[in-house]
Amino acid sequence: MKFTTLLTLCALIPGATPTKGSLVWFELGHRTVALIAEGRLTPHTAAAVRDILGGQDMSDASLWADQIRGQRRSTGPLHYVNIPLTVTTYDPATQCRDGQCIIAAIESERRVLADPKATSVERAEALKFLIHFIGDLHQPMHVSDDNDRGGNDTQVQFFGAGSNLHKVWDGQLIEQAGVRSSDQYLAQLKQQMASLDLSAFERGSVVEWAMEGHQIAAENAYQIPRNRQLGAAYEAANIPLVDLAIIKAGVRLAAVLNEALANYQPVQPAASLGPGVYSDQQAAAHAGETAMVVGTVISVHRTKSGSIYLHFGADYPHQTFSGAILEPGSVAIENLDGLVGKRVGIRGLIKLYKGQPEIVITSREQIVVEP
């Protein structure tokens, strides 16, 4: 991502397979956008975000939309929009059929987040999608196409190593510049932000923001030599564009959230469940801890491989938390279907699996049913 930093386009374009390195940088970019946005939220919005995410950091939540793509393949086209490189206007009829593109997705998720009638699960998903998609929107390869799948099919040599144009913009420019962490990158960008009119970046529409990136793609990213050798000159010319795009993404994300959550009211007062006990909505914020997660079981899902999942908060794939019985034959647990609709606690190590919090259940003693 990162612009790449911002997003890993490889992970966004159908058929593209991100490398291990690009995933690292894609995470760095999205996290940096989220950190910039966090610093510009109003106190009210910051509290609303904490409530909706159950205490999870925005930087962690920024990765969720990519992490769940394997489970929810229909969300793939929402990470980008194929605006031909040769055009200068956005045509939703041809470039975003049936609303299946990042521009329409941002508008849709913004409406859900602002809707007081939306459920807590719907609002949490809308928020996580927005944090991610607004980052993706500012990666030029996510908003342009030269019949090459956002640069994935345009092969280049980057500092002597084989690559493609999407990969270069999705992380290698930042990696080559020596950035190694989102905290480091944030500190670097803050120095630039001090001399910029950040409020000016908040103006404009989602379409206009997308077309900014499209222009960068046409005028800069795709301006490559015939021998396709990209080195120090290409890096020096384009790194400032990457930095500015990430700054704009963070500033605009904050503006979108401040507006959408201006009238947000907590669904219910936050209540302490006691030390080491969390609600299903708080589970993701406590990954890595051994604790108890409490919530209402909505469904029991059995996979073809034999695993059994107790889904909390909402049915799959929108659950807020799951209790996973990966080896049912070795766990003597009866009448699992009878847990549906009941308040249940699951004890164990909270892990994130494909972006979703879960506890693996290996014994009946881990399950506590409220009377």
Protein backbone atom coordinates (compact mmCIF):
# COMPACT_ATOMS: atom_id res chain seq x y z
CA MET A 1 0.00 0.00 0.00
CA LYS A 2 1.94 2.56 0.65
CA PHE A 3 0.64 4.18 -1.60
CA THR A 4 1.95 1.54 -0.97
CA THR A 5 2.11 2.31 1.68
CA LEU A 6 -1.15 2.74 1.16
CA LEU A 7 -2.34 -0.35 -0.03
CA THR A 8 -1.22 -3.33 -1.57
CA LEU A 9 -2.70 -3.23 -4.83
CA CYS A 10 -1.47 -6.62 -5.50
CA ALA A 11 -3.86 -7.78 -2.86
CA LEU A 12 -6.63 -5.78 -4.39
CA ILE A 13 -6.58 -6.64 -8.05
CA PRO A 14 -8.16 -9.96 -8.99
CA GLY A 15 -5.58 -12.56 -9.85
CA ALA A 16 -2.68 -10.64 -8.36
CA THR A 17 -0.64 -12.36 -5.69
CA PRO A 18 1.16 -10.09 -3.22
CA THR A 19 4.63 -11.02 -2.11
CA LYS A 20 5.60 -11.26 1.52
CA GLY A 21 7.46 -7.98 1.27
CA SER A 22 4.61 -6.09 -0.36
CA LEU A 23 2.29 -7.20 2.42
CA VAL A 24 4.67 -5.77 4.97
CA TRP A 25 4.73 -2.43 3.22
CA PHE A 26 1.05 -2.45 2.52
CA GLU A 27 0.45 -2.77 6.24
CA LEU A 28 2.85 0.07 6.96
CA GLY A 29 1.02 2.40 4.58
CA HIS A 30 -2.46 1.69 5.85
CA ARG A 31 -1.32 2.00 9.45
CA THR A 32 0.31 5.36 8.72
CA VAL A 33 -2.87 6.71 7.12
CA ALA A 34 -4.84 5.60 10.19
CA LEU A 35 -2.33 7.23 12.57
CA ILE A 36 -2.51 10.54 10.71
CA ALA A 37 -6.31 10.41 10.84
CA GLU A 38 -6.35 9.55 14.56
CA GLY A 39 -4.46 12.74 15.32
CA ARG A 40 -7.12 14.84 13.58
CA LEU A 41 -10.28 13.34 15.06
CA THR A 42 -12.43 15.49 17.31
CA PRO A 43 -12.70 14.22 20.91
CA HIS A 44 -16.29 13.16 20.18
CA THR A 45 -15.29 11.24 17.05
CA ALA A 46 -12.31 9.62 18.77
CA ALA A 47 -14.64 8.34 21.50
CA ALA A 48 -17.14 7.12 18.90
CA VAL A 49 -14.42 5.26 17.00
CA ARG A 50 -13.24 3.56 20.20
CA ASP A 51 -16.81 2.55 21.01
CA ILE A 52 -17.58 1.20 17.55
CA LEU A 53 -14.30 -0.72 17.30
CA GLY A 54 -14.58 -2.04 20.83
CA GLY A 55 -11.28 -0.42 21.76
CA GLN A 56 -9.31 -1.71 18.78
CA ASP A 57 -6.74 0.72 17.39
CA MET A 58 -7.52 2.30 14.04
CA SER A 59 -4.12 1.18 12.77
CA ASP A 60 -5.01 -2.46 13.46
CA ALA A 61 -8.50 -2.02 12.05
CA SER A 62 -7.00 -0.56 8.86
CA LEU A 63 -5.85 -4.03 7.78
CA TRP A 64 -9.17 -5.82 8.26
CA ALA A 65 -10.63 -5.20 4.78
CA ASP A 66 -7.74 -7.06 3.17
CA GLN A 67 -7.61 -9.77 5.81
CA ILE A 68 -11.22 -10.84 5.20
CA ARG A 69 -11.04 -10.82 1.39
CA GLY A 70 -10.51 -14.58 1.26
CA GLN A 71 -13.71 -15.14 3.20
CA ARG A 72 -15.70 -12.42 1.44
CA ARG A 73 -14.55 -12.48 -2.16
CA SER A 74 -17.38 -10.22 -3.26
CA THR A 75 -15.55 -7.31 -1.58
CA GLY A 76 -12.53 -7.62 -3.90
CA PRO A 77 -13.72 -5.15 -6.58
CA LEU A 78 -14.44 -2.56 -3.88
CA HIS A 79 -10.73 -1.88 -3.35
CA TYR A 80 -10.18 -0.18 -6.72
CA VAL A 81 -11.76 1.43 -9.77
CA ASN A 82 -10.55 0.85 -13.31
CA ILE A 83 -10.51 4.34 -14.83
CA PRO A 84 -8.70 4.09 -18.18
CA LEU A 85 -5.41 5.95 -18.21
CA THR A 86 -6.36 7.84 -21.36
CA VAL A 87 -9.55 9.46 -19.98
CA THR A 88 -9.86 12.47 -17.70
CA THR A 89 -13.34 11.92 -16.26
CA TYR A 90 -15.02 9.29 -14.13
CA ASP A 91 -17.96 7.47 -15.72
CA PRO A 92 -19.73 5.27 -13.16
CA ALA A 93 -21.86 3.60 -15.83
CA THR A 94 -18.82 2.00 -17.45
CA GLN A 95 -16.19 2.11 -14.69
CA CYS A 96 -18.31 1.22 -11.66
CA ARG A 97 -21.09 -1.05 -12.88
CA ASP A 98 -23.61 -1.96 -10.18
CA GLY A 99 -21.64 0.10 -7.67
CA GLN A 100 -18.79 -2.39 -7.62
CA CYS A 101 -15.83 -0.08 -7.17
CA ILE A 102 -14.03 1.84 -4.46
CA ILE A 103 -15.74 5.17 -5.15
CA ALA A 104 -19.24 3.76 -4.68
CA ALA A 105 -18.08 1.66 -1.72
CA ILE A 106 -16.78 4.68 0.17
CA GLU A 107 -20.03 6.55 -0.30
CA SER A 108 -22.05 3.51 0.73
CA GLU A 109 -20.02 2.77 3.86
CA ARG A 110 -20.09 6.43 4.85
CA ARG A 111 -23.90 6.36 4.80
CA VAL A 112 -23.99 3.21 6.93
CA LEU A 113 -21.56 4.64 9.47
CA ALA A 114 -23.66 7.80 9.85
CA ASP A 115 -26.97 5.92 10.08
CA PRO A 116 -28.21 5.71 13.70
CA LYS A 117 -30.52 2.85 12.65
CA ALA A 118 -27.60 0.68 11.51
CA THR A 119 -26.64 -2.14 13.85
CA SER A 120 -23.42 -2.06 15.84
CA VAL A 121 -22.01 -4.80 13.59
CA GLU A 122 -22.92 -2.86 10.42
CA ARG A 123 -21.35 0.31 11.75
CA ALA A 124 -18.18 -1.48 12.84
CA GLU A 125 -17.74 -3.02 9.41
CA ALA A 126 -18.48 0.29 7.68
CA LEU A 127 -15.84 2.02 9.79
CA LYS A 128 -13.19 -0.61 9.09
CA PHE A 129 -13.96 -0.54 5.38
CA LEU A 130 -13.71 3.26 5.30
CA ILE A 131 -10.37 3.31 7.12
CA HIS A 132 -8.99 0.92 4.51
CA PHE A 133 -10.73 2.14 1.35
CA ILE A 134 -9.78 5.79 1.80
CA GLY A 135 -6.18 4.63 2.00
CA ASP A 136 -6.62 2.53 -1.15
CA LEU A 137 -8.21 5.47 -2.96
CA HIS A 138 -4.98 7.43 -2.74
CA GLN A 139 -2.81 4.77 -4.36
CA PRO A 140 -2.66 5.81 -8.04
CA MET A 141 -2.70 2.23 -9.25
CA HIS A 142 -6.03 1.68 -7.49
CA VAL A 143 -7.76 4.36 -9.52
CA SER A 144 -6.23 3.87 -12.96
CA ASP A 145 -5.71 1.16 -15.53
CA ASP A 146 -3.76 0.87 -18.77
CA ASN A 147 -5.14 -2.54 -19.68
CA ASP A 148 -2.59 -3.97 -17.26
CA ARG A 149 -4.59 -4.68 -14.10
CA GLY A 150 -3.50 -1.56 -12.29
CA GLY A 151 0.14 -1.93 -13.29
CA ASN A 152 0.44 -5.60 -12.33
CA ASP A 153 1.09 -6.61 -15.94
CA THR A 154 3.56 -3.80 -16.67
CA GLN A 155 6.92 -5.46 -16.02
CA VAL A 156 9.87 -3.29 -14.96
CA GLN A 157 13.31 -3.51 -13.39
CA PHE A 158 13.41 -1.62 -10.10
CA PHE A 159 16.98 -0.91 -9.04
CA GLY A 160 18.06 -3.91 -11.08
CA ALA A 161 15.49 -6.40 -9.76
CA GLY A 162 12.47 -7.70 -11.62
CA SER A 163 9.18 -6.17 -10.54
CA ASN A 164 6.00 -4.63 -11.94
CA LEU A 165 4.66 -1.09 -11.85
CA HIS A 166 1.98 -1.87 -9.32
CA LYS A 167 4.44 -3.47 -6.96
CA VAL A 168 6.78 -0.50 -7.27
CA TRP A 169 4.04 1.91 -6.22
CA ASP A 170 2.55 -0.45 -3.71
CA GLY A 171 5.61 -0.59 -1.53
CA GLN A 172 8.97 -0.69 -3.20
CA LEU A 173 9.31 3.08 -3.53
CA ILE A 174 8.83 3.42 0.22
CA GLU A 175 11.06 0.46 1.01
CA GLN A 176 13.83 1.90 -1.15
CA ALA A 177 13.51 5.19 0.75
CA GLY A 178 14.40 3.39 3.99
CA VAL A 179 11.09 3.58 5.84
CA ARG A 180 10.80 0.69 8.29
CA SER A 181 7.83 1.42 10.57
CA SER A 182 4.60 3.40 10.65
CA ASP A 183 5.85 5.40 13.65
CA GLN A 184 8.99 6.35 11.74
CA TYR A 185 6.97 7.27 8.67
CA LEU A 186 4.47 9.28 10.71
CA ALA A 187 7.25 11.31 12.32
CA GLN A 188 8.74 11.97 8.90
CA LEU A 189 5.43 13.05 7.40
CA LYS A 190 4.54 15.27 10.35
CA GLN A 191 7.51 17.45 9.48
CA GLN A 192 6.03 17.97 6.03
CA MET A 193 2.52 18.46 7.39
CA ALA A 194 3.65 21.40 9.52
CA SER A 195 4.17 23.50 6.38
CA LEU A 196 1.03 22.41 4.50
CA ASP A 197 -2.51 23.79 4.45
CA LEU A 198 -4.12 20.56 5.62
CA SER A 199 -7.63 22.00 5.74
CA ALA A 200 -7.45 22.52 1.98
CA PHE A 201 -7.05 18.77 1.51
CA GLU A 202 -10.39 18.14 3.22
CA ARG A 203 -12.27 19.84 0.41
CA GLY A 204 -13.52 18.04 -2.69
CA SER A 205 -15.48 14.87 -3.41
CA VAL A 206 -14.47 11.23 -3.41
CA VAL A 207 -14.49 11.34 -7.20
CA GLU A 208 -12.16 14.35 -7.22
CA TRP A 209 -9.82 12.61 -4.79
CA ALA A 210 -9.76 9.55 -7.04
CA MET A 211 -8.99 11.65 -10.10
CA GLU A 212 -6.01 13.21 -8.31
CA GLY A 213 -4.46 9.76 -8.10
CA HIS A 214 -5.45 9.00 -11.68
CA GLN A 215 -3.60 12.12 -12.81
CA ILE A 216 -0.49 11.04 -10.89
CA ALA A 217 -0.67 7.67 -12.61
CA ALA A 218 -0.92 9.21 -16.06
CA GLU A 219 1.61 12.00 -15.62
CA ASN A 220 4.11 10.29 -13.34
CA ALA A 221 3.75 6.61 -12.52
CA TYR A 222 3.44 5.39 -16.11
CA GLN A 223 6.20 7.68 -17.38
CA ILE A 224 8.81 4.97 -17.62
CA PRO A 225 11.78 4.66 -20.00
CA ARG A 226 11.63 2.29 -22.94
CA ASN A 227 14.11 -0.05 -21.30
CA ARG A 228 11.81 -0.17 -18.23
CA GLN A 229 14.77 0.36 -15.92
CA LEU A 230 13.57 2.32 -12.87
CA GLY A 231 16.23 3.65 -10.53
CA ALA A 232 17.29 6.66 -8.50
CA ALA A 233 15.80 9.26 -10.85
CA TYR A 234 12.37 7.60 -10.84
CA GLU A 235 12.53 7.18 -7.06
CA ALA A 236 13.48 10.81 -6.42
CA ALA A 237 10.75 12.11 -8.72
CA ASN A 238 7.94 10.06 -7.21
CA ILE A 239 8.63 9.65 -3.48
CA PRO A 240 7.31 13.17 -2.75
CA LEU A 241 4.06 12.23 -4.50
CA VAL A 242 3.71 9.11 -2.37
CA ASP A 243 4.31 11.05 0.84
CA LEU A 244 1.76 13.70 -0.07
CA ALA A 245 -0.83 11.13 -1.06
CA ILE A 246 -0.55 9.40 2.32
CA ILE A 247 -0.88 12.71 4.11
CA LYS A 248 -3.98 13.55 2.09
CA ALA A 249 -5.46 10.13 2.78
CA GLY A 250 -5.06 10.56 6.53
CA VAL A 251 -6.43 14.09 6.56
CA ARG A 252 -9.42 13.13 4.43
CA LEU A 253 -10.16 10.01 6.42
CA ALA A 254 -10.37 12.12 9.57
CA ALA A 255 -12.68 14.61 7.85
CA VAL A 256 -14.99 11.83 6.66
CA LEU A 257 -15.17 10.26 10.11
CA ASN A 258 -15.67 13.58 11.90
CA GLU A 259 -18.64 14.31 9.66
CA ALA A 260 -20.18 10.83 9.65
CA LEU A 261 -19.94 10.42 13.43
CA ALA A 262 -20.85 13.97 14.47
CA ASN A 263 -24.16 12.79 15.93
CA TYR A 264 -23.08 9.35 17.08
CA GLN A 265 -24.46 8.07 20.37
CA PRO A 266 -23.22 4.87 22.00
CA VAL A 267 -25.65 2.00 21.49
CA GLN A 268 -25.38 1.27 25.19
CA PRO A 269 -23.25 2.57 28.04
CA ALA A 270 -19.88 0.89 28.20
CA ALA A 271 -19.91 -1.56 31.08
CA SER A 272 -16.98 -3.24 32.73
CA LEU A 273 -17.33 -7.00 32.77
CA GLY A 274 -14.50 -7.39 35.23
CA PRO A 275 -10.77 -8.02 34.89
CA GLY A 276 -9.86 -10.34 32.03
CA VAL A 277 -13.41 -10.41 30.67
CA TYR A 278 -14.39 -8.70 27.41
CA SER A 279 -17.47 -8.40 25.24
CA ASP A 280 -17.46 -10.00 21.80
CA GLN A 281 -17.10 -6.52 20.25
CA GLN A 282 -14.00 -5.86 22.36
CA ALA A 283 -12.30 -9.15 21.52
CA ALA A 284 -10.28 -7.90 18.53
CA ALA A 285 -8.70 -5.19 20.68
CA HIS A 286 -7.33 -7.86 23.03
CA ALA A 287 -5.76 -10.29 20.59
CA GLY A 288 -2.86 -12.06 22.22
CA GLU A 289 -4.44 -12.04 25.67
CA THR A 290 -5.76 -15.06 27.55
CA ALA A 291 -9.17 -13.96 28.74
CA MET A 292 -12.90 -14.64 28.60
CA VAL A 293 -15.04 -13.26 25.79
CA VAL A 294 -18.75 -12.91 26.50
CA GLY A 295 -21.61 -12.37 24.06
CA THR A 296 -24.68 -13.87 22.45
CA VAL A 297 -24.24 -16.89 20.19
CA ILE A 298 -26.02 -16.18 16.92
CA SER A 299 -25.25 -19.33 14.98
CA VAL A 300 -23.37 -22.62 14.95
CA HIS A 301 -21.49 -23.19 11.69
CA ARG A 302 -20.06 -26.55 10.60
CA THR A 303 -17.49 -26.62 7.82
CA LYS A 304 -16.95 -29.36 5.26
CA SER A 305 -13.69 -30.25 6.98
CA GLY A 306 -15.56 -30.91 10.22
CA SER A 307 -14.65 -27.81 12.23
CA ILE A 308 -17.39 -26.16 14.26
CA TYR A 309 -17.70 -22.43 14.95
CA LEU A 310 -19.85 -20.62 17.49
CA HIS A 311 -20.45 -17.20 15.94
CA PHE A 312 -21.19 -14.27 18.22
CA GLY A 313 -22.84 -10.92 17.48
CA ALA A 314 -23.94 -11.78 13.93
CA ASP A 315 -24.02 -14.70 11.54
CA TYR A 316 -21.01 -15.63 9.40
CA PRO A 317 -19.25 -13.81 7.80
CA HIS A 318 -20.24 -10.76 9.83
CA GLN A 319 -19.56 -12.23 13.28
CA THR A 320 -17.84 -10.14 15.91
CA PHE A 321 -16.14 -13.15 17.53
CA SER A 322 -16.01 -16.94 17.19
CA GLY A 323 -15.35 -19.94 19.38
CA ALA A 324 -13.55 -22.44 17.11
CA ILE A 325 -13.69 -26.19 17.70
CA LEU A 326 -11.14 -27.38 15.18
CA GLU A 327 -11.08 -31.04 16.28
CA PRO A 328 -14.65 -31.88 17.34
CA GLY A 329 -13.82 -35.55 17.80
CA SER A 330 -11.44 -34.76 20.63
CA VAL A 331 -13.75 -32.34 22.46
CA ALA A 332 -16.72 -33.81 24.30
CA ILE A 333 -19.23 -31.01 23.78
CA GLU A 334 -22.89 -31.84 23.24
CA ASN A 335 -25.90 -29.79 22.22
CA LEU A 336 -23.95 -26.90 20.73
CA ASP A 337 -27.02 -25.83 18.77
CA GLY A 338 -28.72 -25.25 22.11
CA LEU A 339 -26.32 -22.35 22.74
CA VAL A 340 -27.88 -20.23 19.97
CA GLY A 341 -29.55 -17.19 21.47
CA LYS A 342 -27.84 -17.58 24.83
CA ARG A 343 -25.23 -15.44 26.54
CA VAL A 344 -22.04 -17.47 26.52
CA GLY A 345 -18.48 -16.92 27.68
CA ILE A 346 -15.45 -18.53 26.04
CA ARG A 347 -12.15 -18.72 27.92
CA GLY A 348 -8.79 -18.96 26.18
CA LEU A 349 -6.18 -17.20 24.06
CA ILE A 350 -7.74 -14.60 21.78
CA LYS A 351 -6.27 -14.80 18.28
CA LEU A 352 -6.97 -13.02 15.01
CA TYR A 353 -7.65 -15.38 12.14
CA LYS A 354 -8.05 -13.65 8.79
CA GLY A 355 -8.83 -10.46 10.65
CA GLN A 356 -11.51 -11.97 12.88
CA PRO A 357 -11.05 -12.63 16.63
CA GLU A 358 -11.52 -16.17 17.87
CA ILE A 359 -10.64 -18.55 20.69
CA VAL A 360 -9.85 -22.18 19.90
CA ILE A 361 -11.88 -24.47 22.12
CA THR A 362 -10.22 -27.71 23.18
CA SER A 363 -12.29 -28.56 26.27
CA ARG A 364 -15.83 -28.12 27.54
CA GLU A 365 -14.51 -26.23 30.56
CA GLN A 366 -13.74 -23.24 28.30
CA ILE A 367 -17.45 -22.64 27.69
CA VAL A 368 -19.53 -20.89 30.33
CA VAL A 369 -23.28 -20.42 29.76
CA GLU A 370 -25.07 -17.68 31.67
CA PRO A 371 -28.10 -18.96 33.60
